[in-house]
Amino acid sequence: VTLAVMTFPAIISAPRIPLAGILALAAGIAAAWKGMNMVGIAV
């Protein structure tokens, strides 16, 4: 929970376009659900 609380605001505010962060978050969740490793999810 601590990690999520610290990273979630950065996911939305770091990109120039907040939609890019939201789409990346959705893609990361889907990839993690399918079993991709953390390096692959980050890339």
PDB file of all heavy atoms in Angstrom:
ATOM      1  N   VAL A   1       0.835  -1.203   0.000  1.00  0.00           N
ATOM      2  CA  VAL A   1       0.000   0.000   0.000  1.00  0.00           C
ATOM      3  C   VAL A   1       0.867   1.251   0.000  1.00  0.00           C
ATOM      4  O   VAL A   1       0.589   2.218  -0.711  1.00  0.00           O
ATOM      5  CB  VAL A   1      -0.956  -0.013   1.213  1.00  0.00           C
ATOM      6  CG1 VAL A   1      -1.666   1.304   1.368  1.00  0.00           C
ATOM      7  CG2 VAL A   1      -1.950  -1.144   1.070  1.00  0.00           C
ATOM      8  N   THR A   2       1.945   1.233   0.765  1.00  0.00           N
ATOM      9  CA  THR A   2       2.849   2.374   0.813  1.00  0.00           C
ATOM     10  C   THR A   2       3.467   2.630  -0.551  1.00  0.00           C
ATOM     11  O   THR A   2       3.539   3.779  -1.007  1.00  0.00           O
ATOM     12  CB  THR A   2       3.950   2.130   1.856  1.00  0.00           C
ATOM     13  OG1 THR A   2       3.334   1.842   3.107  1.00  0.00           O
ATOM     14  CG2 THR A   2       4.848   3.327   1.995  1.00  0.00           C
ATOM     15  N   LEU A   3       3.907   1.580  -1.218  1.00  0.00           N
ATOM     16  CA  LEU A   3       4.469   1.732  -2.562  1.00  0.00           C
ATOM     17  C   LEU A   3       3.435   2.275  -3.534  1.00  0.00           C
ATOM     18  O   LEU A   3       3.728   3.170  -4.335  1.00  0.00           O
ATOM     19  CB  LEU A   3       5.011   0.389  -3.053  1.00  0.00           C
ATOM     20  CG  LEU A   3       5.661   0.383  -4.425  1.00  0.00           C
ATOM     21  CD1 LEU A   3       6.900   1.281  -4.414  1.00  0.00           C
ATOM     22  CD2 LEU A   3       6.025  -1.017  -4.833  1.00  0.00           C
ATOM     23  N   ALA A   4       2.217   1.784  -3.458  1.00  0.00           N
ATOM     24  CA  ALA A   4       1.156   2.264  -4.352  1.00  0.00           C
ATOM     25  C   ALA A   4       0.843   3.735  -4.109  1.00  0.00           C
ATOM     26  O   ALA A   4       0.682   4.515  -5.049  1.00  0.00           O
ATOM     27  CB  ALA A   4      -0.101   1.418  -4.176  1.00  0.00           C
ATOM     28  N   VAL A   5       0.776   4.117  -2.843  1.00  0.00           N
ATOM     29  CA  VAL A   5       0.457   5.508  -2.507  1.00  0.00           C
ATOM     30  C   VAL A   5       1.565   6.450  -2.975  1.00  0.00           C
ATOM     31  O   VAL A   5       1.303   7.578  -3.389  1.00  0.00           O
ATOM     32  CB  VAL A   5       0.214   5.641  -0.986  1.00  0.00           C
ATOM     33  CG1 VAL A   5       0.205   7.081  -0.532  1.00  0.00           C
ATOM     34  CG2 VAL A   5      -1.090   4.967  -0.623  1.00  0.00           C
ATOM     35  N   MET A   6       2.804   5.998  -2.931  1.00  0.00           N
ATOM     36  CA  MET A   6       3.917   6.848  -3.355  1.00  0.00           C
ATOM     37  C   MET A   6       4.032   6.939  -4.872  1.00  0.00           C
ATOM     38  O   MET A   6       4.432   7.974  -5.405  1.00  0.00           O
ATOM     39  CB  MET A   6       5.234   6.325  -2.776  1.00  0.00           C
ATOM     40  CG  MET A   6       5.318   6.520  -1.291  1.00  0.00           C
ATOM     41  SD  MET A   6       6.807   5.904  -0.463  1.00  0.00           S
ATOM     42  CE  MET A   6       7.809   5.194  -1.682  1.00  0.00           C
ATOM     43  N   THR A   7       3.698   5.874  -5.595  1.00  0.00           N
ATOM     44  CA  THR A   7       3.915   5.875  -7.043  1.00  0.00           C
ATOM     45  C   THR A   7       2.705   6.325  -7.854  1.00  0.00           C
ATOM     46  O   THR A   7       2.873   6.854  -8.950  1.00  0.00           O
ATOM     47  CB  THR A   7       4.339   4.479  -7.532  1.00  0.00           C
ATOM     48  OG1 THR A   7       3.341   3.528  -7.164  1.00  0.00           O
ATOM     49  CG2 THR A   7       5.671   4.087  -6.963  1.00  0.00           C
ATOM     50  N   PHE A   8       1.507   6.124  -7.355  1.00  0.00           N
ATOM     51  CA  PHE A   8       0.329   6.445  -8.170  1.00  0.00           C
ATOM     52  C   PHE A   8       0.257   7.910  -8.595  1.00  0.00           C
ATOM     53  O   PHE A   8      -0.002   8.188  -9.771  1.00  0.00           O
ATOM     54  CB  PHE A   8      -0.964   6.023  -7.463  1.00  0.00           C
ATOM     55  CG  PHE A   8      -2.173   6.239  -8.306  1.00  0.00           C
ATOM     56  CD1 PHE A   8      -2.439   5.400  -9.369  1.00  0.00           C
ATOM     57  CD2 PHE A   8      -3.023   7.304  -8.071  1.00  0.00           C
ATOM     58  CE1 PHE A   8      -3.556   5.608 -10.176  1.00  0.00           C
ATOM     59  CE2 PHE A   8      -4.133   7.520  -8.864  1.00  0.00           C
ATOM     60  CZ  PHE A   8      -4.399   6.669  -9.920  1.00  0.00           C
ATOM     61  N   PRO A   9       0.484   8.879  -7.711  1.00  0.00           N
ATOM     62  CA  PRO A   9       0.443  10.277  -8.179  1.00  0.00           C
ATOM     63  C   PRO A   9       1.494  10.574  -9.249  1.00  0.00           C
ATOM     64  O   PRO A   9       1.236  11.345 -10.177  1.00  0.00           O
ATOM     65  CB  PRO A   9       0.718  11.094  -6.916  1.00  0.00           C
ATOM     66  CG  PRO A   9       0.323  10.211  -5.796  1.00  0.00           C
ATOM     67  CD  PRO A   9       0.626   8.820  -6.256  1.00  0.00           C
ATOM     68  N   ALA A  10       2.655   9.941  -9.145  1.00  0.00           N
ATOM     69  CA  ALA A  10       3.695  10.170 -10.153  1.00  0.00           C
ATOM     70  C   ALA A  10       3.306   9.566 -11.505  1.00  0.00           C
ATOM     71  O   ALA A  10       3.690  10.099 -12.552  1.00  0.00           O
ATOM     72  CB  ALA A  10       5.021   9.583  -9.680  1.00  0.00           C
ATOM     73  N   ILE A  11       2.562   8.478 -11.480  1.00  0.00           N
ATOM     74  CA  ILE A  11       2.133   7.859 -12.741  1.00  0.00           C
ATOM     75  C   ILE A  11       1.270   8.830 -13.536  1.00  0.00           C
ATOM     76  O   ILE A  11       1.379   8.917 -14.754  1.00  0.00           O
ATOM     77  CB  ILE A  11       1.365   6.547 -12.466  1.00  0.00           C
ATOM     78  CG1 ILE A  11       2.313   5.482 -11.926  1.00  0.00           C
ATOM     79  CG2 ILE A  11       0.650   6.044 -13.704  1.00  0.00           C
ATOM     80  CD1 ILE A  11       1.627   4.240 -11.423  1.00  0.00           C
ATOM     81  N   ILE A  12       0.425   9.563 -12.847  1.00  0.00           N
ATOM     82  CA  ILE A  12      -0.481  10.485 -13.524  1.00  0.00           C
ATOM     83  C   ILE A  12       0.206  11.813 -13.842  1.00  0.00           C
ATOM     84  O   ILE A  12      -0.009  12.386 -14.910  1.00  0.00           O
ATOM     85  CB  ILE A  12      -1.733  10.731 -12.650  1.00  0.00           C
ATOM     86  CG1 ILE A  12      -2.416   9.409 -12.293  1.00  0.00           C
ATOM     87  CG2 ILE A  12      -2.709  11.664 -13.330  1.00  0.00           C
ATOM     88  CD1 ILE A  12      -2.852   8.577 -13.465  1.00  0.00           C
ATOM     89  N   SER A  13       1.046  12.310 -12.939  1.00  0.00           N
ATOM     90  CA  SER A  13       1.583  13.657 -13.119  1.00  0.00           C
ATOM     91  C   SER A  13       2.919  13.725 -13.850  1.00  0.00           C
ATOM     92  O   SER A  13       3.293  14.792 -14.327  1.00  0.00           O
ATOM     93  CB  SER A  13       1.724  14.350 -11.759  1.00  0.00           C
ATOM     94  OG  SER A  13       2.661  13.658 -10.968  1.00  0.00           O
ATOM     95  N   ALA A  14       3.668  12.644 -13.951  1.00  0.00           N
ATOM     96  CA  ALA A  14       4.990  12.696 -14.584  1.00  0.00           C
ATOM     97  C   ALA A  14       4.936  12.904 -16.108  1.00  0.00           C
ATOM     98  O   ALA A  14       5.698  13.710 -16.632  1.00  0.00           O
ATOM     99  CB  ALA A  14       5.793  11.448 -14.248  1.00  0.00           C
ATOM    100  N   PRO A  15       4.073  12.211 -16.834  1.00  0.00           N
ATOM    101  CA  PRO A  15       4.029  12.460 -18.275  1.00  0.00           C
ATOM    102  C   PRO A  15       3.454  13.843 -18.589  1.00  0.00           C
ATOM    103  O   PRO A  15       2.731  14.436 -17.782  1.00  0.00           O
ATOM    104  CB  PRO A  15       3.088  11.369 -18.814  1.00  0.00           C
ATOM    105  CG  PRO A  15       2.959  10.371 -17.740  1.00  0.00           C
ATOM    106  CD  PRO A  15       3.208  11.089 -16.467  1.00  0.00           C
ATOM    107  N   ARG A  16       3.777  14.333 -19.782  1.00  0.00           N
ATOM    108  CA  ARG A  16       3.213  15.621 -20.201  1.00  0.00           C
ATOM    109  C   ARG A  16       1.705  15.520 -20.341  1.00  0.00           C
ATOM    110  O   ARG A  16       0.983  16.480 -20.110  1.00  0.00           O
ATOM    111  CB  ARG A  16       3.817  16.064 -21.537  1.00  0.00           C
ATOM    112  CG  ARG A  16       5.224  16.568 -21.439  1.00  0.00           C
ATOM    113  CD  ARG A  16       5.716  17.093 -22.763  1.00  0.00           C
ATOM    114  NE  ARG A  16       5.759  15.983 -23.725  1.00  0.00           N
ATOM    115  CZ  ARG A  16       5.543  16.096 -25.022  1.00  0.00           C
ATOM    116  NH1 ARG A  16       5.267  17.268 -25.540  1.00  0.00           N
ATOM    117  NH2 ARG A  16       5.627  15.058 -25.810  1.00  0.00           N
ATOM    118  N   ILE A  17       1.232  14.352 -20.742  1.00  0.00           N
ATOM    119  CA  ILE A  17      -0.201  14.117 -20.952  1.00  0.00           C
ATOM    120  C   ILE A  17      -0.666  13.094 -19.917  1.00  0.00           C
ATOM    121  O   ILE A  17      -0.199  11.948 -19.922  1.00  0.00           O
ATOM    122  CB  ILE A  17      -0.453  13.588 -22.379  1.00  0.00           C
ATOM    123  CG1 ILE A  17       0.101  14.578 -23.394  1.00  0.00           C
ATOM    124  CG2 ILE A  17      -1.917  13.309 -22.615  1.00  0.00           C
ATOM    125  CD1 ILE A  17       0.210  14.027 -24.781  1.00  0.00           C
ATOM    126  N   PRO A  18      -1.569  13.455 -19.013  1.00  0.00           N
ATOM    127  CA  PRO A  18      -2.020  12.499 -17.983  1.00  0.00           C
ATOM    128  C   PRO A  18      -2.627  11.222 -18.566  1.00  0.00           C
ATOM    129  O   PRO A  18      -2.508  10.152 -17.972  1.00  0.00           O
ATOM    130  CB  PRO A  18      -3.062  13.287 -17.193  1.00  0.00           C
ATOM    131  CG  PRO A  18      -2.684  14.720 -17.380  1.00  0.00           C
ATOM    132  CD  PRO A  18      -2.129  14.795 -18.777  1.00  0.00           C
ATOM    133  N   LEU A  19      -3.245  11.311 -19.735  1.00  0.00           N
ATOM    134  CA  LEU A  19      -3.812  10.120 -20.364  1.00  0.00           C
ATOM    135  C   LEU A  19      -2.726   9.084 -20.668  1.00  0.00           C
ATOM    136  O   LEU A  19      -2.973   7.879 -20.575  1.00  0.00           O
ATOM    137  CB  LEU A  19      -4.555  10.493 -21.655  1.00  0.00           C
ATOM    138  CG  LEU A  19      -5.180   9.332 -22.422  1.00  0.00           C
ATOM    139  CD1 LEU A  19      -6.246   8.654 -21.578  1.00  0.00           C
ATOM    140  CD2 LEU A  19      -5.746   9.807 -23.740  1.00  0.00           C
ATOM    141  N   ALA A  20      -1.523   9.537 -20.989  1.00  0.00           N
ATOM    142  CA  ALA A  20      -0.424   8.607 -21.251  1.00  0.00           C
ATOM    143  C   ALA A  20      -0.108   7.801 -20.000  1.00  0.00           C
ATOM    144  O   ALA A  20       0.124   6.583 -20.076  1.00  0.00           O
ATOM    145  CB  ALA A  20       0.812   9.372 -21.725  1.00  0.00           C
ATOM    146  N   GLY A  21      -0.114   8.445 -18.849  1.00  0.00           N
ATOM    147  CA  GLY A  21       0.119   7.726 -17.602  1.00  0.00           C
ATOM    148  C   GLY A  21      -0.980   6.743 -17.276  1.00  0.00           C
ATOM    149  O   GLY A  21      -0.723   5.629 -16.816  1.00  0.00           O
ATOM    150  N   ILE A  22      -2.211   7.138 -17.536  1.00  0.00           N
ATOM    151  CA  ILE A  22      -3.344   6.249 -17.268  1.00  0.00           C
ATOM    152  C   ILE A  22      -3.299   5.026 -18.179  1.00  0.00           C
ATOM    153  O   ILE A  22      -3.516   3.894 -17.731  1.00  0.00           O
ATOM    154  CB  ILE A  22      -4.670   7.021 -17.423  1.00  0.00           C
ATOM    155  CG1 ILE A  22      -4.771   8.094 -16.329  1.00  0.00           C
ATOM    156  CG2 ILE A  22      -5.870   6.090 -17.379  1.00  0.00           C
ATOM    157  CD1 ILE A  22      -5.880   9.091 -16.540  1.00  0.00           C
ATOM    158  N   LEU A  23      -2.994   5.234 -19.453  1.00  0.00           N
ATOM    159  CA  LEU A  23      -2.894   4.107 -20.390  1.00  0.00           C
ATOM    160  C   LEU A  23      -1.724   3.196 -20.038  1.00  0.00           C
ATOM    161  O   LEU A  23      -1.821   1.963 -20.154  1.00  0.00           O
ATOM    162  CB  LEU A  23      -2.771   4.617 -21.820  1.00  0.00           C
ATOM    163  CG  LEU A  23      -4.018   5.300 -22.382  1.00  0.00           C
ATOM    164  CD1 LEU A  23      -3.735   5.870 -23.766  1.00  0.00           C
ATOM    165  CD2 LEU A  23      -5.190   4.334 -22.427  1.00  0.00           C
ATOM    166  N   ALA A  24      -0.607   3.782 -19.604  1.00  0.00           N
ATOM    167  CA  ALA A  24       0.538   2.977 -19.188  1.00  0.00           C
ATOM    168  C   ALA A  24       0.202   2.158 -17.942  1.00  0.00           C
ATOM    169  O   ALA A  24       0.604   0.997 -17.827  1.00  0.00           O
ATOM    170  CB  ALA A  24       1.747   3.868 -18.935  1.00  0.00           C
ATOM    171  N   LEU A  25      -0.530   2.758 -17.021  1.00  0.00           N
ATOM    172  CA  LEU A  25      -0.958   2.035 -15.827  1.00  0.00           C
ATOM    173  C   LEU A  25      -1.845   0.850 -16.205  1.00  0.00           C
ATOM    174  O   LEU A  25      -1.667  -0.265 -15.703  1.00  0.00           O
ATOM    175  CB  LEU A  25      -1.704   2.974 -14.877  1.00  0.00           C
ATOM    176  CG  LEU A  25      -2.300   2.341 -13.630  1.00  0.00           C
ATOM    177  CD1 LEU A  25      -1.205   1.794 -12.732  1.00  0.00           C
ATOM    178  CD2 LEU A  25      -3.159   3.350 -12.885  1.00  0.00           C
ATOM    179  N   ALA A  26      -2.794   1.073 -17.108  1.00  0.00           N
ATOM    180  CA  ALA A  26      -3.675  -0.016 -17.549  1.00  0.00           C
ATOM    181  C   ALA A  26      -2.883  -1.118 -18.242  1.00  0.00           C
ATOM    182  O   ALA A  26      -3.116  -2.314 -17.996  1.00  0.00           O
ATOM    183  CB  ALA A  26      -4.758   0.538 -18.475  1.00  0.00           C
ATOM    184  N   ALA A  27      -1.928  -0.729 -19.091  1.00  0.00           N
ATOM    185  CA  ALA A  27      -1.098  -1.727 -19.773  1.00  0.00           C
ATOM    186  C   ALA A  27      -0.244  -2.494 -18.766  1.00  0.00           C
ATOM    187  O   ALA A  27      -0.068  -3.717 -18.893  1.00  0.00           O
ATOM    188  CB  ALA A  27      -0.213  -1.046 -20.814  1.00  0.00           C
ATOM    189  N   GLY A  28       0.291  -1.798 -17.762  1.00  0.00           N
ATOM    190  CA  GLY A  28       1.100  -2.463 -16.746  1.00  0.00           C
ATOM    191  C   GLY A  28       0.297  -3.444 -15.911  1.00  0.00           C
ATOM    192  O   GLY A  28       0.770  -4.539 -15.590  1.00  0.00           O
ATOM    193  N   ILE A  29      -0.922  -3.056 -15.563  1.00  0.00           N
ATOM    194  CA  ILE A  29      -1.787  -3.961 -14.795  1.00  0.00           C
ATOM    195  C   ILE A  29      -2.121  -5.194 -15.618  1.00  0.00           C
ATOM    196  O   ILE A  29      -2.067  -6.330 -15.123  1.00  0.00           O
ATOM    197  CB  ILE A  29      -3.059  -3.228 -14.339  1.00  0.00           C
ATOM    198  CG1 ILE A  29      -2.712  -2.199 -13.268  1.00  0.00           C
ATOM    199  CG2 ILE A  29      -4.110  -4.214 -13.829  1.00  0.00           C
ATOM    200  CD1 ILE A  29      -3.857  -1.280 -12.893  1.00  0.00           C
ATOM    201  N   ALA A  30      -2.434  -5.001 -16.901  1.00  0.00           N
ATOM    202  CA  ALA A  30      -2.761  -6.141 -17.773  1.00  0.00           C
ATOM    203  C   ALA A  30      -1.551  -7.061 -17.939  1.00  0.00           C
ATOM    204  O   ALA A  30      -1.685  -8.288 -17.891  1.00  0.00           O
ATOM    205  CB  ALA A  30      -3.246  -5.640 -19.131  1.00  0.00           C
ATOM    206  N   ALA A  31      -0.365  -6.482 -18.113  1.00  0.00           N
ATOM    207  CA  ALA A  31       0.838  -7.294 -18.283  1.00  0.00           C
ATOM    208  C   ALA A  31       1.174  -8.056 -17.003  1.00  0.00           C
ATOM    209  O   ALA A  31       1.587  -9.217 -17.056  1.00  0.00           O
ATOM    210  CB  ALA A  31       2.009  -6.404 -18.698  1.00  0.00           C
ATOM    211  N   ALA A  32       0.997  -7.402 -15.852  1.00  0.00           N
ATOM    212  CA  ALA A  32       1.250  -8.087 -14.582  1.00  0.00           C
ATOM    213  C   ALA A  32       0.250  -9.212 -14.374  1.00  0.00           C
ATOM    214  O   ALA A  32       0.601 -10.289 -13.873  1.00  0.00           O
ATOM    215  CB  ALA A  32       1.178  -7.092 -13.431  1.00  0.00           C
ATOM    216  N   TRP A  33      -0.978  -8.974 -14.782  1.00  0.00           N
ATOM    217  CA  TRP A  33      -2.022 -10.004 -14.661  1.00  0.00           C
ATOM    218  C   TRP A  33      -1.662 -11.231 -15.490  1.00  0.00           C
ATOM    219  O   TRP A  33      -1.942 -12.363 -15.096  1.00  0.00           O
ATOM    220  CB  TRP A  33      -3.346  -9.416 -15.120  1.00  0.00           C
ATOM    221  CG  TRP A  33      -4.520 -10.277 -14.781  1.00  0.00           C
ATOM    222  CD1 TRP A  33      -5.031 -11.286 -15.522  1.00  0.00           C
ATOM    223  CD2 TRP A  33      -5.304 -10.200 -13.600  1.00  0.00           C
ATOM    224  NE1 TRP A  33      -6.104 -11.837 -14.896  1.00  0.00           N
ATOM    225  CE2 TRP A  33      -6.293 -11.200 -13.700  1.00  0.00           C
ATOM    226  CE3 TRP A  33      -5.287  -9.397 -12.479  1.00  0.00           C
ATOM    227  CZ2 TRP A  33      -7.237 -11.403 -12.712  1.00  0.00           C
ATOM    228  CZ3 TRP A  33      -6.228  -9.610 -11.502  1.00  0.00           C
ATOM    229  CH2 TRP A  33      -7.196 -10.606 -11.623  1.00  0.00           C
ATOM    230  N   LYS A  34      -1.038 -11.000 -16.651  1.00  0.00           N
ATOM    231  CA  LYS A  34      -0.647 -12.106 -17.527  1.00  0.00           C
ATOM    232  C   LYS A  34       0.651 -12.776 -17.091  1.00  0.00           C
ATOM    233  O   LYS A  34       1.066 -13.757 -17.685  1.00  0.00           O
ATOM    234  CB  LYS A  34      -0.493 -11.608 -18.970  1.00  0.00           C
ATOM    235  CG  LYS A  34      -1.789 -11.158 -19.599  1.00  0.00           C
ATOM    236  CD  LYS A  34      -2.701 -12.335 -19.814  1.00  0.00           C
ATOM    237  CE  LYS A  34      -3.963 -11.895 -20.529  1.00  0.00           C
ATOM    238  NZ  LYS A  34      -4.872 -13.002 -20.725  1.00  0.00           N
ATOM    239  N   GLY A  35       1.350 -12.212 -16.088  1.00  0.00           N
ATOM    240  CA  GLY A  35       2.538 -12.858 -15.554  1.00  0.00           C
ATOM    241  C   GLY A  35       3.863 -12.309 -16.064  1.00  0.00           C
ATOM    242  O   GLY A  35       4.895 -12.945 -15.870  1.00  0.00           O
ATOM    243  N   MET A  36       3.870 -11.144 -16.692  1.00  0.00           N
ATOM    244  CA  MET A  36       5.114 -10.558 -17.180  1.00  0.00           C
ATOM    245  C   MET A  36       5.982 -10.133 -15.991  1.00  0.00           C
ATOM    246  O   MET A  36       5.467  -9.733 -14.958  1.00  0.00           O
ATOM    247  CB  MET A  36       4.819  -9.354 -18.084  1.00  0.00           C
ATOM    248  CG  MET A  36       6.047  -8.735 -18.714  1.00  0.00           C
ATOM    249  SD  MET A  36       5.648  -7.305 -19.743  1.00  0.00           S
ATOM    250  CE  MET A  36       5.053  -8.101 -21.211  1.00  0.00           C
ATOM    251  N   ASN A  37       7.311 -10.204 -16.151  1.00  0.00           N
ATOM    252  CA  ASN A  37       8.205  -9.810 -15.058  1.00  0.00           C
ATOM    253  C   ASN A  37       8.258  -8.287 -14.938  1.00  0.00           C
ATOM    254  O   ASN A  37       7.796  -7.557 -15.803  1.00  0.00           O
ATOM    255  CB  ASN A  37       9.601 -10.399 -15.249  1.00  0.00           C
ATOM    256  CG  ASN A  37      10.285  -9.892 -16.497  1.00  0.00           C
ATOM    257  OD1 ASN A  37       9.853  -8.944 -17.131  1.00  0.00           O
ATOM    258  ND2 ASN A  37      11.386 -10.532 -16.849  1.00  0.00           N
ATOM    259  N   MET A  38       8.851  -7.810 -13.841  1.00  0.00           N
ATOM    260  CA  MET A  38       8.817  -6.376 -13.542  1.00  0.00           C
ATOM    261  C   MET A  38       9.599  -5.538 -14.550  1.00  0.00           C
ATOM    262  O   MET A  38       9.190  -4.425 -14.876  1.00  0.00           O
ATOM    263  CB  MET A  38       9.345  -6.125 -12.133  1.00  0.00           C
ATOM    264  CG  MET A  38       8.357  -6.545 -11.069  1.00  0.00           C
ATOM    265  SD  MET A  38       8.900  -6.193  -9.406  1.00  0.00           S
ATOM    266  CE  MET A  38       8.984  -4.437  -9.406  1.00  0.00           C
ATOM    267  N   VAL A  39      10.716  -6.061 -15.030  1.00  0.00           N
ATOM    268  CA  VAL A  39      11.499  -5.309 -16.018  1.00  0.00           C
ATOM    269  C   VAL A  39      10.695  -5.151 -17.303  1.00  0.00           C
ATOM    270  O   VAL A  39      10.646  -4.073 -17.897  1.00  0.00           O
ATOM    271  CB  VAL A  39      12.851  -5.992 -16.277  1.00  0.00           C
ATOM    272  CG1 VAL A  39      13.602  -5.310 -17.398  1.00  0.00           C
ATOM    273  CG2 VAL A  39      13.692  -6.029 -15.015  1.00  0.00           C
ATOM    274  N   GLY A  40      10.042  -6.212 -17.712  1.00  0.00           N
ATOM    275  CA  GLY A  40       9.208  -6.147 -18.907  1.00  0.00           C
ATOM    276  C   GLY A  40       8.051  -5.170 -18.746  1.00  0.00           C
ATOM    277  O   GLY A  40       7.711  -4.421 -19.673  1.00  0.00           O
ATOM    278  N   ILE A  41       7.453  -5.157 -17.567  1.00  0.00           N
ATOM    279  CA  ILE A  41       6.353  -4.229 -17.309  1.00  0.00           C
ATOM    280  C   ILE A  41       6.847  -2.792 -17.343  1.00  0.00           C
ATOM    281  O   ILE A  41       6.192  -1.908 -17.917  1.00  0.00           O
ATOM    282  CB  ILE A  41       5.679  -4.551 -15.959  1.00  0.00           C
ATOM    283  CG1 ILE A  41       4.970  -5.902 -16.041  1.00  0.00           C
ATOM    284  CG2 ILE A  41       4.696  -3.459 -15.565  1.00  0.00           C
ATOM    285  CD1 ILE A  41       4.473  -6.413 -14.716  1.00  0.00           C
ATOM    286  N   ALA A  42       8.018  -2.545 -16.758  1.00  0.00           N
ATOM    287  CA  ALA A  42       8.576  -1.184 -16.762  1.00  0.00           C
ATOM    288  C   ALA A  42       8.865  -0.720 -18.184  1.00  0.00           C
ATOM    289  O   ALA A  42       8.542   0.416 -18.558  1.00  0.00           O
ATOM    290  CB  ALA A  42       9.837  -1.130 -15.914  1.00  0.00           C
ATOM    291  N   VAL A  43       9.441  -1.591 -18.991  1.00  0.00           N
ATOM    292  CA  VAL A  43       9.730  -1.245 -20.385  1.00  0.00           C
ATOM    293  C   VAL A  43       8.436  -1.008 -21.159  1.00  0.00           C
ATOM    294  O   VAL A  43       8.327  -0.047 -21.934  1.00  0.00           O
ATOM    295  CB  VAL A  43      10.591  -2.352 -21.047  1.00  0.00           C
ATOM    296  CG1 VAL A  43      10.705  -2.144 -22.542  1.00  0.00           C
ATOM    297  CG2 VAL A  43      11.961  -2.407 -20.396  1.00  0.00           C
TER     298      VAL A  43
END
